[in-house]
C-alpha atoms as a PDB file:
ATOM      1  CA  MET A   1      99.016 104.855 120.568  1.00  0.00           C
ATOM      2  CA  SER A   2      99.342 103.709 116.976  1.00  0.00           C
ATOM      3  CA  ASN A   3     102.439 101.836 115.950  1.00  0.00           C
ATOM      4  CA  PRO A   4     103.751 102.883 112.507  1.00  0.00           C
ATOM      5  CA  ASN A   5     104.984  99.335 111.939  1.00  0.00           C
ATOM      6  CA  ASN A   6     101.660  97.568 112.472  1.00  0.00           C
ATOM      7  CA  THR A   7      99.556  96.158 109.667  1.00  0.00           C
ATOM      8  CA  ASP A   8      96.739  98.692 109.930  1.00  0.00           C
ATOM      9  CA  TRP A   9      99.083 101.649 109.670  1.00  0.00           C
ATOM     10  CA  ARG A  10     101.001 100.174 106.752  1.00  0.00           C
ATOM     11  CA  HIS A  11      97.722  99.555 104.966  1.00  0.00           C
ATOM     12  CA  ARG A  12      96.565 103.133 105.479  1.00  0.00           C
ATOM     13  CA  GLN A  13      99.926 104.444 104.333  1.00  0.00           C
ATOM     14  CA  ALA A  14      99.827 102.335 101.151  1.00  0.00           C
ATOM     15  CA  GLN A  15      96.274 103.473 100.433  1.00  0.00           C
ATOM     16  CA  ARG A  16      97.300 107.104 100.813  1.00  0.00           C
ATOM     17  CA  ALA A  17     100.193 106.573  98.399  1.00  0.00           C
ATOM     18  CA  LEU A  18      97.707 105.147  95.878  1.00  0.00           C
ATOM     19  CA  GLU A  19      95.403 108.129  96.283  1.00  0.00           C
ATOM     20  CA  ARG A  20      98.252 110.521  95.617  1.00  0.00           C
ATOM     21  CA  GLN A  21      99.397 108.508  92.612  1.00  0.00           C
ATOM     22  CA  LEU A  22      95.920 108.579  91.091  1.00  0.00           C
ATOM     23  CA  GLU A  23      95.688 112.349  91.611  1.00  0.00           C
ATOM     24  CA  TYR A  24      99.047 112.767  89.877  1.00  0.00           C
ATOM     25  CA  GLN A  25      98.112 110.580  86.900  1.00  0.00           C
ATOM     26  CA  GLN A  26      94.760 112.304  86.481  1.00  0.00           C
ATOM     27  CA  LYS A  27      96.583 115.618  86.075  1.00  0.00           C
ATOM     28  CA  LYS A  28      99.113 114.005  83.751  1.00  0.00           C
ATOM     29  CA  ALA A  29      96.371 112.611  81.505  1.00  0.00           C
ATOM     30  CA  VAL A  30      95.144 116.146  80.939  1.00  0.00           C
ATOM     31  CA  ALA A  31      98.665 117.469  80.365  1.00  0.00           C
ATOM     32  CA  VAL A  32      99.611 114.857  77.729  1.00  0.00           C
ATOM     33  CA  ALA A  33      96.335 114.952  75.792  1.00  0.00           C
ATOM     34  CA  GLY A  34      97.182 115.239  72.099  1.00  0.00           C
ATOM     35  CA  ARG A  35     100.795 114.169  72.681  1.00  0.00           C
ATOM     36  CA  GLU A  36     100.183 110.480  73.344  1.00  0.00           C
ATOM     37  CA  ALA A  37     102.299 109.396  70.357  1.00  0.00           C
ATOM     38  CA  ASP A  38     105.420 111.012  71.822  1.00  0.00           C
ATOM     39  CA  LEU A  39     104.883 109.350  75.181  1.00  0.00           C
ATOM     40  CA  MET A  40     104.223 105.985  73.552  1.00  0.00           C
ATOM     41  CA  ALA A  41     107.472 106.247  71.591  1.00  0.00           C
ATOM     42  CA  SER A  42     109.381 106.801  74.832  1.00  0.00           C
ATOM     43  CA  MET A  43     107.591 103.906  76.512  1.00  0.00           C
ATOM     44  CA  LYS A  44     108.433 101.636  73.587  1.00  0.00           C
ATOM     45  CA  LEU A  45     112.136 102.465  73.890  1.00  0.00           C
ATOM     46  CA  SER A  46     112.101 101.617  77.611  1.00  0.00           C
ATOM     47  CA  SER A  47     110.345  98.307  77.005  1.00  0.00           C
ATOM     48  CA  GLU A  48     112.671  97.354  74.174  1.00  0.00           C
ATOM     49  CA  ARG A  49     115.711  98.169  76.293  1.00  0.00           C
ATOM     50  CA  VAL A  50     114.598  95.872  79.109  1.00  0.00           C
ATOM     51  CA  ARG A  51     113.594  93.083  76.716  1.00  0.00           C
ATOM     52  CA  GLY A  52     116.968  93.409  74.997  1.00  0.00           C
ATOM     53  CA  VAL A  53     118.811  93.130  78.322  1.00  0.00           C
ATOM     54  CA  LEU A  54     116.872  89.966  79.176  1.00  0.00           C
ATOM     55  CA  GLU A  55     117.373  88.441  75.739  1.00  0.00           C
ATOM     56  CA  LYS A  56     121.133  88.799  76.135  1.00  0.00           C
ATOM     57  CA  ILE A  57     120.812  86.423  79.079  1.00  0.00           C
ATOM     58  CA  GLN A  58     118.475  83.932  77.425  1.00  0.00           C
ATOM     59  CA  PRO A  59     116.103  83.966  74.435  1.00  0.00           C
ATOM     60  CA  ILE A  60     112.497  84.964  75.061  1.00  0.00           C
ATOM     61  CA  ASP A  61     110.164  82.789  72.985  1.00  0.00           C
ATOM     62  CA  SER A  62     107.482  84.504  70.951  1.00  0.00           C
ATOM     63  CA  ASP A  63     104.817  82.678  72.984  1.00  0.00           C
ATOM     64  CA  ALA A  64     106.434  83.370  76.367  1.00  0.00           C
ATOM     65  CA  SER A  65     104.019  84.363  79.130  1.00  0.00           C
ATOM     66  CA  VAL A  66     104.941  87.754  80.607  1.00  0.00           C
ATOM     67  CA  ILE A  67     103.503  89.630  83.575  1.00  0.00           C
ATOM     68  CA  GLU A  68     104.272  93.046  84.977  1.00  0.00           C
ATOM     69  CA  VAL A  69     103.337  93.460  88.626  1.00  0.00           C
ATOM     70  CA  GLY A  70     102.682  97.133  89.209  1.00  0.00           C
ATOM     71  CA  SER A  71     102.156  97.911  85.522  1.00  0.00           C
ATOM     72  CA  GLY A  72     100.978 101.385  86.464  1.00  0.00           C
ATOM     73  CA  ALA A  73     100.077 104.095  84.016  1.00  0.00           C
ATOM     74  CA  HIS A  74     103.086 103.666  81.703  1.00  0.00           C
ATOM     75  CA  GLY A  75     104.531 100.232  82.424  1.00  0.00           C
ATOM     76  CA  LEU A  76     106.989  98.117  80.477  1.00  0.00           C
ATOM     77  CA  ILE A  77     104.363  95.534  79.577  1.00  0.00           C
ATOM     78  CA  PHE A  78     102.498  97.706  77.062  1.00  0.00           C
ATOM     79  CA  PHE A  79     105.301  97.572  74.502  1.00  0.00           C
ATOM     80  CA  PHE A  80     107.152  94.449  75.620  1.00  0.00           C
ATOM     81  CA  GLY A  81     106.132  92.772  72.381  1.00  0.00           C
ATOM     82  CA  ARG A  82     104.685  89.447  73.497  1.00  0.00           C
ATOM     83  CA  GLN A  83     101.107  88.317  72.912  1.00  0.00           C
ATOM     84  CA  ARG A  84     100.733  86.442  76.195  1.00  0.00           C
ATOM     85  CA  SER A  85     101.149  89.505  78.394  1.00  0.00           C
ATOM     86  CA  ILE A  86      99.256  90.830  81.383  1.00  0.00           C
ATOM     87  CA  GLY A  87      99.593  93.752  83.757  1.00  0.00           C
ATOM     88  CA  VAL A  88      98.510  93.911  87.393  1.00  0.00           C
ATOM     89  CA  ASP A  89      97.993  97.162  89.267  1.00  0.00           C
ATOM     90  CA  PRO A  90      95.666  98.370  92.032  1.00  0.00           C
ATOM     91  CA  LEU A  91      94.642 101.299  89.793  1.00  0.00           C
ATOM     92  CA  ALA A  92      94.288  99.297  86.568  1.00  0.00           C
ATOM     93  CA  VAL A  93      90.644 100.289  86.005  1.00  0.00           C
ATOM     94  CA  ASP A  94      91.444 103.985  86.414  1.00  0.00           C
ATOM     95  CA  TYR A  95      94.457 103.775  84.117  1.00  0.00           C
ATOM     96  CA  ARG A  96      92.452 102.097  81.347  1.00  0.00           C
ATOM     97  CA  ARG A  97      90.126 105.091  81.446  1.00  0.00           C
ATOM     98  CA  LEU A  98      92.874 107.725  81.664  1.00  0.00           C
ATOM     99  CA  PHE A  99      95.313 106.282  79.099  1.00  0.00           C
ATOM    100  CA  PRO A 100      93.364 104.106  76.616  1.00  0.00           C
ATOM    101  CA  ALA A 101      95.851 104.709  73.773  1.00  0.00           C
ATOM    102  CA  TRP A 102      98.300 102.185  75.213  1.00  0.00           C
ATOM    103  CA  GLN A 103      96.536 100.534  78.154  1.00  0.00           C
ATOM    104  CA  ARG A 104      94.244  98.694  75.717  1.00  0.00           C
ATOM    105  CA  ARG A 105      97.272  97.024  74.086  1.00  0.00           C
ATOM    106  CA  VAL A 106      97.531  94.527  76.962  1.00  0.00           C
ATOM    107  CA  GLN A 107      95.060  92.949  79.354  1.00  0.00           C
ATOM    108  CA  THR A 108      95.320  94.505  82.807  1.00  0.00           C
ATOM    109  CA  ILE A 109      93.612  93.516  86.029  1.00  0.00           C
ATOM    110  CA  ALA A 110      93.184  95.323  89.325  1.00  0.00           C
ATOM    111  CA  GLY A 111      95.153  93.637  92.091  1.00  0.00           C
ATOM    112  CA  VAL A 112      97.881  94.067  94.670  1.00  0.00           C
ATOM    113  CA  GLY A 113     101.317  92.530  94.474  1.00  0.00           C
ATOM    114  CA  GLU A 114     101.147  91.004  97.941  1.00  0.00           C
ATOM    115  CA  HIS A 115      98.346  88.637  96.839  1.00  0.00           C
ATOM    116  CA  LEU A 116      98.572  87.768  93.144  1.00  0.00           C
ATOM    117  CA  PRO A 117      95.643  85.736  91.718  1.00  0.00           C
ATOM    118  CA  PHE A 118      97.806  83.290  89.777  1.00  0.00           C
ATOM    119  CA  ALA A 119      98.973  79.732  90.327  1.00  0.00           C
ATOM    120  CA  ASP A 120     102.541  78.891  91.240  1.00  0.00           C
ATOM    121  CA  GLN A 121     105.016  79.019  88.342  1.00  0.00           C
ATOM    122  CA  SER A 122     102.580  80.603  85.865  1.00  0.00           C
ATOM    123  CA  PHE A 123     104.898  82.963  83.957  1.00  0.00           C
ATOM    124  CA  ASP A 124     108.136  82.781  81.980  1.00  0.00           C
ATOM    125  CA  ILE A 125     109.024  86.442  82.578  1.00  0.00           C
ATOM    126  CA  VAL A 126     108.081  88.561  85.605  1.00  0.00           C
ATOM    127  CA  LEU A 127     108.628  92.323  85.554  1.00  0.00           C
ATOM    128  CA  CYS A 128     108.420  94.701  88.506  1.00  0.00           C
ATOM    129  CA  ASP A 129     109.732  98.161  87.714  1.00  0.00           C
ATOM    130  CA  ASN A 130     110.121 100.630  90.595  1.00  0.00           C
ATOM    131  CA  VAL A 131     106.963  99.633  92.448  1.00  0.00           C
ATOM    132  CA  VAL A 132     107.487  97.995  95.823  1.00  0.00           C
ATOM    133  CA  ASP A 133     108.450 101.121  97.784  1.00  0.00           C
ATOM    134  CA  HIS A 134     104.909 102.451  97.188  1.00  0.00           C
ATOM    135  CA  ALA A 135     103.258  99.288  98.506  1.00  0.00           C
ATOM    136  CA  GLU A 136     102.144  97.833 101.797  1.00  0.00           C
ATOM    137  CA  ASN A 137     104.662  94.985 102.090  1.00  0.00           C
ATOM    138  CA  PRO A 138     107.667  95.031  99.699  1.00  0.00           C
ATOM    139  CA  ARG A 139     109.047  91.718 100.924  1.00  0.00           C
ATOM    140  CA  ALA A 140     105.691  89.976 100.405  1.00  0.00           C
ATOM    141  CA  ILE A 141     105.528  91.307  96.848  1.00  0.00           C
ATOM    142  CA  VAL A 142     108.982  89.984  95.999  1.00  0.00           C
ATOM    143  CA  SER A 143     108.025  86.588  97.409  1.00  0.00           C
ATOM    144  CA  GLU A 144     104.938  86.589  95.178  1.00  0.00           C
ATOM    145  CA  LEU A 145     107.000  87.542  92.126  1.00  0.00           C
ATOM    146  CA  VAL A 146     109.149  84.480  92.708  1.00  0.00           C
ATOM    147  CA  ARG A 147     106.182  82.221  93.458  1.00  0.00           C
ATOM    148  CA  ILE A 148     104.528  82.862  90.072  1.00  0.00           C
ATOM    149  CA  LEU A 149     107.793  82.599  88.111  1.00  0.00           C
ATOM    150  CA  ARG A 150     108.442  79.301  86.332  1.00  0.00           C
ATOM    151  CA  LEU A 151     111.593  77.291  86.945  1.00  0.00           C
ATOM    152  CA  GLY A 152     114.271  78.770  84.699  1.00  0.00           C
ATOM    153  CA  GLY A 153     112.214  81.914  84.158  1.00  0.00           C
ATOM    154  CA  LEU A 154     113.585  85.436  84.478  1.00  0.00           C
ATOM    155  CA  LEU A 155     112.723  88.163  86.958  1.00  0.00           C
ATOM    156  CA  TYR A 156     113.441  91.806  86.120  1.00  0.00           C
ATOM    157  CA  PHE A 157     113.192  94.051  89.173  1.00  0.00           C
ATOM    158  CA  THR A 158     114.030  97.657  89.979  1.00  0.00           C
ATOM    159  CA  VAL A 159     113.383  99.992  92.876  1.00  0.00           C
ATOM    160  CA  ASN A 160     114.651 103.404  93.899  1.00  0.00           C
ATOM    161  CA  ILE A 161     117.174 103.377  96.722  1.00  0.00           C
ATOM    162  CA  HIS A 162     118.332 106.219  98.940  1.00  0.00           C
ATOM    163  CA  HIS A 163     120.921 107.261 101.497  1.00  0.00           C
ATOM    164  CA  PRO A 164     120.033 105.909 104.983  1.00  0.00           C
ATOM    165  CA  LEU A 165     119.141 109.471 106.026  1.00  0.00           C
ATOM    166  CA  TYR A 166     115.963 109.245 103.939  1.00  0.00           C
ATOM    167  CA  PHE A 167     115.018 105.902 105.452  1.00  0.00           C
ATOM    168  CA  VAL A 168     115.222 107.471 108.916  1.00  0.00           C
ATOM    169  CA  ALA A 169     113.240 110.511 107.740  1.00  0.00           C
ATOM    170  CA  ALA A 170     110.566 108.248 106.221  1.00  0.00           C
ATOM    171  CA  ARG A 171     110.208 106.403 109.537  1.00  0.00           C
ATOM    172  CA  ALA A 172     109.845 109.712 111.352  1.00  0.00           C
ATOM    173  CA  HIS A 173     107.202 110.845 108.852  1.00  0.00           C
ATOM    174  CA  SER A 174     105.273 107.617 109.428  1.00  0.00           C
ATOM    175  CA  THR A 175     105.572 107.947 113.204  1.00  0.00           C
ATOM    176  CA  TRP A 176     104.180 111.452 113.549  1.00  0.00           C
ATOM    177  CA  ASN A 177     101.308 110.720 111.170  1.00  0.00           C
ATOM    178  CA  ALA A 178     100.492 107.487 113.010  1.00  0.00           C
ATOM    179  CA  MET A 179     100.392 109.484 116.247  1.00  0.00           C
ATOM    180  CA  GLY A 180      97.785 111.814 114.780  1.00  0.00           C
ATOM    181  CA  MET A 181     100.061 114.686 113.734  1.00  0.00           C
ATOM    182  CA  SER A 182      98.669 114.968 110.223  1.00  0.00           C
ATOM    183  CA  TYR A 183     101.440 116.641 108.251  1.00  0.00           C
ATOM    184  CA  GLU A 184     102.469 115.168 104.914  1.00  0.00           C
ATOM    185  CA  ILE A 185     105.723 115.727 103.069  1.00  0.00           C
ATOM    186  CA  GLY A 186     105.230 114.748  99.431  1.00  0.00           C
ATOM    187  CA  PRO A 187     108.055 112.236  98.847  1.00  0.00           C
ATOM    188  CA  PHE A 188     107.325 110.434 102.110  1.00  0.00           C
ATOM    189  CA  ALA A 189     103.562 110.402 101.559  1.00  0.00           C
ATOM    190  CA  ASP A 190     104.064 108.894  98.079  1.00  0.00           C
ATOM    191  CA  HIS A 191     106.182 106.000  99.399  1.00  0.00           C
ATOM    192  CA  THR A 192     105.675 103.499 102.190  1.00  0.00           C
ATOM    193  CA  THR A 193     109.423 103.219 102.674  1.00  0.00           C
ATOM    194  CA  HIS A 194     112.672 104.710 101.402  1.00  0.00           C
ATOM    195  CA  LEU A 195     114.880 101.660 100.867  1.00  0.00           C
ATOM    196  CA  THR A 196     118.631 101.680 101.298  1.00  0.00           C
ATOM    197  CA  PHE A 197     120.879  99.514  99.116  1.00  0.00           C
ATOM    198  CA  ARG A 198     121.195  96.856 101.833  1.00  0.00           C
ATOM    199  CA  ARG A 199     117.473  96.788 102.543  1.00  0.00           C
ATOM    200  CA  ALA A 200     116.735  96.397  98.826  1.00  0.00           C
ATOM    201  CA  GLN A 201     119.170  93.474  98.664  1.00  0.00           C
ATOM    202  CA  HIS A 202     117.517  91.893 101.692  1.00  0.00           C
ATOM    203  CA  LEU A 203     114.203  91.653  99.825  1.00  0.00           C
ATOM    204  CA  PHE A 204     115.697  88.686  97.939  1.00  0.00           C
ATOM    205  CA  ALA A 205     117.213  86.867 100.919  1.00  0.00           C
ATOM    206  CA  GLU A 206     116.541  83.126 101.088  1.00  0.00           C
ATOM    207  CA  LEU A 207     114.401  83.034  97.946  1.00  0.00           C
ATOM    208  CA  PRO A 208     114.913  80.348  95.246  1.00  0.00           C
ATOM    209  CA  LEU A 209     116.700  82.674  92.836  1.00  0.00           C
ATOM    210  CA  THR A 210     120.061  82.852  91.145  1.00  0.00           C
ATOM    211  CA  ILE A 211     121.047  86.503  90.853  1.00  0.00           C
ATOM    212  CA  LEU A 212     122.440  87.009  87.350  1.00  0.00           C
ATOM    213  CA  HIS A 213     122.820  90.773  87.405  1.00  0.00           C
ATOM    214  CA  GLU A 214     122.755  93.330  90.206  1.00  0.00           C
ATOM    215  CA  GLN A 215     123.704  96.982  90.033  1.00  0.00           C
ATOM    216  CA  SER A 216     122.889 100.450  91.283  1.00  0.00           C
ATOM    217  CA  ASN A 217     123.681 103.859  89.864  1.00  0.00           C
ATOM    218  CA  VAL A 218     124.495 105.556  93.165  1.00  0.00           C
ATOM    219  CA  SER A 219     127.720 107.111  91.839  1.00  0.00           C
ATOM    220  CA  GLU A 220     125.970 108.559  88.794  1.00  0.00           C
ATOM    221  CA  THR A 221     123.123 109.857  90.955  1.00  0.00           C
ATOM    222  CA  LYS A 222     125.550 111.643  93.272  1.00  0.00           C
ATOM    223  CA  ALA A 223     127.431 113.165  90.340  1.00  0.00           C
ATOM    224  CA  ARG A 224     124.209 114.346  88.703  1.00  0.00           C
ATOM    225  CA  ALA A 225     123.059 116.033  91.919  1.00  0.00           C
ATOM    226  CA  LYS A 226     126.391 117.835  92.313  1.00  0.00           C
ATOM    227  CA  ALA A 227     126.262 119.074  88.719  1.00  0.00           C
ATOM    228  CA  MET A 228     122.803 120.595  89.087  1.00  0.00           C
ATOM    229  CA  ARG A 229     122.113 124.061  90.432  1.00  0.00           C
ATOM    230  CA  ALA A 230     120.469 123.726  93.835  1.00  0.00           C
ATOM    231  CA  ARG A 231     116.925 125.130  93.698  1.00  0.00           C
ATOM    232  CA  HIS A 232     116.132 124.480  97.354  1.00  0.00           C
ATOM    233  CA  LEU A 233     117.393 122.743 100.481  1.00  0.00           C
ATOM    234  CA  GLY A 234     116.329 119.338  99.174  1.00  0.00           C
ATOM    235  CA  ASP A 235     118.632 119.691  96.158  1.00  0.00           C
ATOM    236  CA  SER A 236     121.505 120.670  98.429  1.00  0.00           C
ATOM    237  CA  LEU A 237     120.926 117.619 100.596  1.00  0.00           C
ATOM    238  CA  LYS A 238     121.011 115.353  97.534  1.00  0.00           C
ATOM    239  CA  ARG A 239     124.567 116.477  96.822  1.00  0.00           C
ATOM    240  CA  VAL A 240     125.662 114.841 100.066  1.00  0.00           C
ATOM    241  CA  PHE A 241     122.904 112.307 100.800  1.00  0.00           C
ATOM    242  CA  PHE A 242     121.940 110.716  97.486  1.00  0.00           C
ATOM    243  CA  LYS A 243     118.274 110.125  96.652  1.00  0.00           C
ATOM    244  CA  ASN A 244     116.439 108.187  93.918  1.00  0.00           C
ATOM    245  CA  ALA A 245     119.290 106.007  92.716  1.00  0.00           C
ATOM    246  CA  LEU A 246     118.128 102.920  90.829  1.00  0.00           C
ATOM    247  CA  TYR A 247     118.723  99.383  92.100  1.00  0.00           C
ATOM    248  CA  GLU A 248     118.323  96.772  89.347  1.00  0.00           C
ATOM    249  CA  VAL A 249     118.245  92.982  89.595  1.00  0.00           C
ATOM    250  CA  ILE A 250     117.854  90.236  87.019  1.00  0.00           C
ATOM    251  CA  ALA A 251     117.446  86.752  88.460  1.00  0.00           C
ATOM    252  CA  ARG A 252     116.568  83.223  87.340  1.00  0.00           C
ATOM    253  CA  ARG A 253     114.136  80.998  89.238  1.00  0.00           C
ATOM    254  CA  ARG A 254     115.701  77.800  90.444  1.00  0.00           C
END
């Protein structure tokens, strides 16, 4: 019997999440055709916000080397505003074809976060924005982020976190699919894990980092769910068991 925790199963699960992400972005590319300028303006605001938050902690030189691991279709790196910038994503080749208007602004390479093709301490700024819960090994990715970060450099990291109920449900979803009961539920097929707050924190345990900023918006997420009209059972559950809150960390390599 397959074990949902073994390497082979995790790999298959991560590959399936990538397939679903590519299908989604292919449809989105069609939907946004002709409206790229609006999307780029929104992306620019997001990038400028994150750069501004980091610059309040320490100045970012104009020649700083910046990498985004999991740059995706609409990552922060494309409007981060530094010449020495690079994005890494398993679907980088596909995204360059689907979204050339902004993907061509920065060099991107196809690769996975668990095995980054860069030397130790190669970058001044490392970005990873809501990526690791789609991947094969979140802890390995975080270790790689730290490995390629220079001493004194800054890491910006986010991931969605959820009530423990969703972590248990995600494990159940993995188990029945690993046992051959092929039945996918969208949110659990798109993610390899649904992290809780404590599990997200644990990703950084015993790494050579000084945490400068750590926060989550669990309270705001709960309030937003309660204020919305419930369209289905999932919305009702979110009023009690929060889902898709954001966990954000800024850390310095020591």
